[in-house]
Amino acid sequence: MATRQLLNELLALYAAQGGDDLKLESVGGVDAAKRVQAGEVFDIVFLASDAIDQLVGSGHLDGESKVHLAHSGVAVAVRAGATKPDISRTEAVRATVLAAKNLSYSTGPSGVALAKLFESWGIAEEIQPRIVQAPPGVPVGRLVARGEVELGFQQLSELIHLEGITLLGPLPAEIQITTTFSAAISLASAHRAYASALLAFLTSEQAVAAIRRQGMEPATH
């Protein structure tokens, strides 16, 4: 889901330049990987880099075709109009998490990394009853906007276009969680030449501005 807005923009640009008109389906990363593992055929799969590697290892994707698309960091948000807690330093983030009535993070790689961070701080057990797990495919920011959670952590790209929230900013550099999103062609694809052409476009200079507009950094620069 973190790459949904970006891919919609890039595929529209690709089609406008004479490229193929492609159908994009965006679901939570956990669900996407399960569908590929179950044998559902997609021409190209976009997921976190380690998830792509797992699908290469299980014989579903072509490892030789793998490309890196973008690096994406985690940001923090509260409901629009709410008090803005301090997240400028690691200690401030820890204090903010401990003070929050409840908090939420995704089921994807950033959420896994956050859980490990809280464990390393020695606060995982204390805050566990206050964690609201966002269902796969549901943006954490939506829970924040509805007032269901006080503090939300998610990929910046999933928060920057959402109404009803205030973006506090990215996590401090020393605890920032960066996910590299990659793509690979399915071994079962019947359209490999078309898929390769698209991946070449997505990793070209033409894609750089769009990637940065969506709160990410191009992985090829």
Protein backbone atom coordinates (compact mmCIF):
# COMPACT_ATOMS: atom_id res chain seq x y z
CA MET A 1 0.00 0.00 0.00
CA ALA A 2 2.92 2.37 0.60
CA THR A 3 3.65 2.44 -3.15
CA ARG A 4 0.02 2.75 -4.30
CA GLN A 5 -0.04 6.51 -4.96
CA LEU A 6 3.40 6.44 -6.52
CA LEU A 7 2.63 3.57 -8.87
CA ASN A 8 -0.69 5.11 -9.92
CA GLU A 9 1.15 8.30 -10.86
CA LEU A 10 3.98 6.53 -12.67
CA LEU A 11 1.72 4.15 -14.59
CA ALA A 12 -0.39 7.09 -15.79
CA LEU A 13 2.78 8.87 -16.95
CA TYR A 14 3.99 5.70 -18.66
CA ALA A 15 0.71 5.29 -20.53
CA ALA A 16 0.68 8.98 -21.52
CA GLN A 17 4.09 8.54 -23.13
CA GLY A 18 2.85 5.67 -25.26
CA GLY A 19 3.53 2.82 -22.88
CA ASP A 20 1.12 0.00 -22.19
CA ASP A 21 -2.04 0.71 -20.21
CA LEU A 22 -1.59 -1.48 -17.14
CA LYS A 23 -3.88 -2.60 -14.36
CA LEU A 24 -2.61 -2.05 -10.82
CA GLU A 25 -4.04 -3.82 -7.80
CA SER A 26 -2.93 -2.52 -4.40
CA VAL A 27 -3.39 -4.59 -1.25
CA GLY A 28 -1.50 -4.95 2.02
CA GLY A 29 1.95 -6.44 1.58
CA VAL A 30 1.19 -9.49 3.71
CA ASP A 31 -1.87 -10.30 1.60
CA ALA A 32 -0.02 -9.63 -1.65
CA ALA A 33 2.74 -12.09 -0.77
CA LYS A 34 0.20 -14.74 0.26
CA ARG A 35 -1.65 -14.41 -3.04
CA VAL A 36 1.53 -14.85 -5.06
CA GLN A 37 2.56 -17.83 -2.92
CA ALA A 38 -0.89 -19.34 -3.50
CA GLY A 39 -0.23 -19.33 -7.25
CA GLU A 40 -2.12 -16.23 -8.36
CA VAL A 41 -0.31 -14.85 -11.41
CA PHE A 42 0.71 -11.20 -11.73
CA ASP A 43 3.12 -9.91 -14.34
CA ILE A 44 5.03 -7.74 -11.85
CA VAL A 45 5.01 -7.79 -8.06
CA PHE A 46 5.96 -4.73 -5.96
CA LEU A 47 6.84 -5.39 -2.32
CA ALA A 48 9.47 -4.68 0.30
CA SER A 49 12.82 -5.97 -0.96
CA ASP A 50 13.08 -8.84 1.52
CA ALA A 51 9.56 -10.00 0.64
CA ILE A 52 10.53 -10.03 -3.04
CA ASP A 53 13.58 -12.13 -2.14
CA GLN A 54 11.38 -14.64 -0.33
CA LEU A 55 9.14 -15.01 -3.39
CA VAL A 56 12.22 -15.43 -5.58
CA GLY A 57 13.41 -18.14 -3.22
CA SER A 58 10.06 -19.93 -3.33
CA GLY A 59 10.18 -20.04 -7.13
CA HIS A 60 7.45 -17.49 -7.89
CA LEU A 61 9.48 -14.50 -9.10
CA ASP A 62 12.48 -14.08 -11.39
CA GLY A 63 15.40 -12.91 -9.28
CA GLU A 64 17.31 -11.71 -12.34
CA SER A 65 14.54 -9.20 -13.08
CA LYS A 66 14.52 -7.64 -9.59
CA VAL A 67 14.97 -3.86 -9.43
CA HIS A 68 14.83 -1.43 -6.52
CA LEU A 69 12.25 1.31 -6.88
CA ALA A 70 12.34 3.55 -3.79
CA HIS A 71 13.49 3.98 -0.21
CA SER A 72 10.68 4.89 2.19
CA GLY A 73 10.91 6.15 5.77
CA VAL A 74 8.45 6.13 8.66
CA ALA A 75 6.64 9.24 9.85
CA VAL A 76 4.42 10.00 12.84
CA ALA A 77 0.96 11.57 12.86
CA VAL A 78 -1.76 12.74 15.25
CA ARG A 79 -5.34 13.77 14.59
CA ALA A 80 -5.79 17.22 13.07
CA GLY A 81 -6.18 19.78 15.86
CA ALA A 82 -4.59 17.58 18.52
CA THR A 83 -1.62 18.67 20.61
CA LYS A 84 1.63 18.08 18.78
CA PRO A 85 3.98 15.96 20.90
CA ASP A 86 7.74 16.21 20.52
CA ILE A 87 9.40 13.62 18.26
CA SER A 88 12.59 15.56 17.54
CA ARG A 89 14.89 13.18 19.43
CA THR A 90 14.92 9.48 20.30
CA GLU A 91 14.20 10.22 23.96
CA ALA A 92 11.28 12.44 22.97
CA VAL A 93 9.76 9.72 20.77
CA ARG A 94 10.04 7.22 23.61
CA ALA A 95 8.36 9.63 26.03
CA THR A 96 5.61 10.39 23.49
CA VAL A 97 4.91 6.70 22.97
CA LEU A 98 4.71 6.10 26.72
CA ALA A 99 2.36 9.06 27.18
CA ALA A 100 0.00 8.15 24.32
CA LYS A 101 -3.46 6.85 25.19
CA ASN A 102 -3.06 4.40 22.31
CA LEU A 103 -1.02 4.02 19.16
CA SER A 104 -1.01 2.14 15.88
CA TYR A 105 1.43 0.92 13.27
CA SER A 106 1.15 -1.22 10.16
CA THR A 107 1.42 -4.98 9.71
CA GLY A 108 4.19 -4.44 7.15
CA PRO A 109 7.98 -4.30 7.57
CA SER A 110 7.93 -0.88 9.25
CA GLY A 111 5.55 -2.21 11.91
CA VAL A 112 7.77 -5.21 12.56
CA ALA A 113 10.77 -2.92 12.96
CA LEU A 114 8.84 -0.61 15.29
CA ALA A 115 7.89 -3.52 17.51
CA LYS A 116 11.57 -4.47 17.76
CA LEU A 117 12.45 -0.86 18.59
CA PHE A 118 9.92 -0.79 21.43
CA GLU A 119 11.35 -4.07 22.72
CA SER A 120 14.86 -2.64 22.69
CA TRP A 121 13.58 0.31 24.73
CA GLY A 122 12.13 -2.10 27.28
CA ILE A 123 8.59 -0.72 26.92
CA ALA A 124 6.94 -3.34 24.67
CA GLU A 125 5.10 -5.11 27.48
CA GLU A 126 3.92 -1.84 29.05
CA ILE A 127 2.41 -0.43 25.84
CA GLN A 128 1.08 -3.71 24.39
CA PRO A 129 -2.49 -3.20 25.74
CA ARG A 130 -2.59 0.22 24.05
CA ILE A 131 -1.51 -0.88 20.58
CA VAL A 132 -4.27 -0.86 17.97
CA GLN A 133 -3.21 -3.01 15.02
CA ALA A 134 -4.36 -1.59 11.71
CA PRO A 135 -5.87 -4.32 9.50
CA PRO A 136 -3.83 -5.15 6.36
CA GLY A 137 -4.56 -2.61 3.64
CA VAL A 138 -6.06 -0.04 6.05
CA PRO A 139 -3.86 3.05 6.46
CA VAL A 140 -2.89 3.81 10.04
CA GLY A 141 -3.59 7.46 9.26
CA ARG A 142 -7.24 6.64 8.70
CA LEU A 143 -7.51 5.34 12.27
CA VAL A 144 -5.80 8.51 13.47
CA ALA A 145 -8.13 10.75 11.44
CA ARG A 146 -11.19 9.01 12.88
CA GLY A 147 -9.91 9.50 16.40
CA GLU A 148 -9.57 5.77 17.02
CA VAL A 149 -5.88 6.11 17.87
CA GLU A 150 -3.91 9.02 19.27
CA LEU A 151 -0.53 8.33 17.68
CA GLY A 152 0.13 6.72 14.31
CA PHE A 153 3.34 5.42 12.74
CA GLN A 154 3.49 4.56 9.05
CA GLN A 155 5.35 5.10 5.81
CA LEU A 156 5.46 8.82 5.01
CA SER A 157 4.03 8.08 1.56
CA GLU A 158 0.85 6.72 3.16
CA LEU A 159 0.36 9.76 5.40
CA ILE A 160 1.22 12.83 3.32
CA HIS A 161 -1.99 12.89 1.27
CA LEU A 162 -4.41 11.95 4.04
CA GLU A 163 -6.90 14.49 5.39
CA GLY A 164 -7.81 14.76 9.05
CA ILE A 165 -4.30 14.27 10.45
CA THR A 166 -1.32 16.42 11.39
CA LEU A 167 2.01 15.06 10.28
CA LEU A 168 4.57 15.50 13.04
CA GLY A 169 7.42 14.57 10.74
CA PRO A 170 9.74 11.63 10.13
CA LEU A 171 11.32 9.63 12.91
CA PRO A 172 14.70 11.01 14.04
CA ALA A 173 17.56 9.82 11.85
CA GLU A 174 19.07 7.63 14.57
CA ILE A 175 15.92 5.47 14.81
CA GLN A 176 14.51 5.97 11.31
CA ILE A 177 13.17 2.80 9.72
CA THR A 178 13.80 2.69 5.98
CA THR A 179 12.09 0.17 3.75
CA THR A 180 13.34 -0.43 0.23
CA PHE A 181 10.51 -1.25 -2.15
CA SER A 182 11.45 -3.41 -5.10
CA ALA A 183 9.84 -5.17 -8.03
CA ALA A 184 10.31 -8.41 -9.93
CA ILE A 185 8.64 -10.20 -12.80
CA SER A 186 6.65 -13.34 -12.19
CA LEU A 187 8.14 -16.53 -13.59
CA ALA A 188 4.63 -17.34 -14.80
CA SER A 189 4.16 -14.04 -16.66
CA ALA A 190 3.17 -14.31 -20.30
CA HIS A 191 4.17 -10.67 -20.92
CA ARG A 192 7.81 -10.54 -19.88
CA ALA A 193 8.93 -8.09 -22.57
CA TYR A 194 6.21 -5.61 -21.60
CA ALA A 195 7.03 -6.07 -17.91
CA SER A 196 10.73 -5.45 -18.53
CA ALA A 197 9.95 -2.27 -20.44
CA LEU A 198 7.88 -0.97 -17.54
CA LEU A 199 10.57 -1.74 -14.97
CA ALA A 200 13.13 0.11 -17.10
CA PHE A 201 10.86 3.17 -17.08
CA LEU A 202 10.22 2.98 -13.33
CA THR A 203 13.95 3.05 -12.62
CA SER A 204 14.73 5.82 -15.11
CA GLU A 205 15.31 9.55 -14.51
CA GLN A 206 11.70 10.19 -15.52
CA ALA A 207 10.47 8.54 -12.33
CA VAL A 208 12.68 10.46 -9.88
CA ALA A 209 10.47 13.55 -9.43
CA ALA A 210 7.35 11.45 -8.82
CA ILE A 211 9.13 9.27 -6.25
CA ARG A 212 10.23 12.33 -4.27
CA ARG A 213 6.77 13.89 -4.57
CA GLN A 214 5.36 10.85 -2.83
CA GLY A 215 7.69 11.20 0.17
CA MET A 216 10.27 8.63 -0.92
CA GLU A 217 13.78 8.63 -2.32
CA PRO A 218 14.67 6.89 -5.59
CA ALA A 219 16.59 3.69 -4.92
CA THR A 220 18.66 4.01 -8.08
CA HIS A 221 20.22 7.40 -7.20
